[in-house]
Amino acid sequence: MEVLITGGAGFIGSHTYVNLIENGYKPIILDNFSNSNKDVINHLQTITGQEVKFYTGDVKDANLLNQIFSENKIEGVIHFAADKAVGESVANPLKYYENNLYSTILLLKKMEEFGIKNFVFSSSCTVYGEPKELPVTENSPIQQAVSPYGNTKQICEEIISDTVKSNK
């Protein structure tokens, strides 16, 4: 099974890549290397003993997504690509709204277009805001986000939920 990992050269993405290889999947990386280093690709090849299939580019590039989905038989997407610094999101909220929301929306649209139904979204514990009880669990109530970054993750979760409801 081919799985696209957006942000696949980042810390979590690269570890996910190795785990997918170890479990018989064929991961494909899409990364613009804004929060990672191209050397990761060489390290992944050394670790797995396999050539890494990857595309350099931005998940907000509709033409690139068309190319990736046309050239491969992708059956699932793991979406890690996002801006992720709370402080920066407070200083530059529009960057976060543009990148995090638009990338998720475009990715979901392209997945619908290409009939891809398996999706893992990398959210954040920031969607729970300032929790009233610890530990936080999946059943904990969502609180108001305390940063634009956290808010983008909350909004993305709502977008995903609405998309799933409209297209089982």
Foldseek 3Di string as FASTA:
>chain_A
DEEEEEVLQADVNVVVCLVCVVVPYQYEYEYQQPRHDPVSQVVSCVVNVDHHHYDHDALLDLVVLVVVLVVDVHQEYEYPDADDDQVVCQVPVVVRLCRLVSSLVSVLVSCVVSVHDHYHYDADPQQQPPFPDPPDDPPGDGDDGPGSNNVSRVVSVVVVVVSVVVPD
